[in-house]
């Protein structure tokens, strides 16, 4: 990856090799799929006005720990009822926003030259993304969501956890740790041009 940089006309660009672009696209699609699969029935009685306005989402937190991290409770402790009501009226909009941001990342990769339908990565050109202000925000939010999802799956809550996971003898865990670190580099590169 060639790090993000600011162009004179205000856009932000970076260049990814085809494998990196494919990895980002795959991870963004997984987040989209995970968020879209969240269609649990609401335990609360249906409010007809809320249903008409599309504000009648689930009131119980997701069972999947990644979704619980991506769609957290608004209140902690003994305020489960308040959290449920808040979730009921906000989760669908939050989910839609997260999906939209991940789709913006996919779209900018495709516009930059990534071919999601190519049978092989080998022989593809480098992917140069050019981001406006809205796309920069979508990238930052999606990179955060992807890193949170990986952190939950790997059990990373602290820097010490990240160091332990990085030294894992399990090749799959070590590889995902490398991906987690690389995504942090991508995110840091993007943040650095915003200062």
Foldseek 3Di string as FASTA:
>chain_A
DAFWAADPVGKIKDKAQQVVLLVLLVLLVVLLVVLVVPQDDAPDDDDVVCVVVVQAGHLDQDPDPLSCVQQPFPDDDPPSVVSSVVCRRPVVVSSVLLNVLSVLSNVQQVVQFHDPPDPDSPPGGIGMGIGHPVNLVSLLSNLVSSLSSLCVVQVNDDVVSLVVQCPDPPPVSVVSSVVSVVSVVRNVSSVVNVD
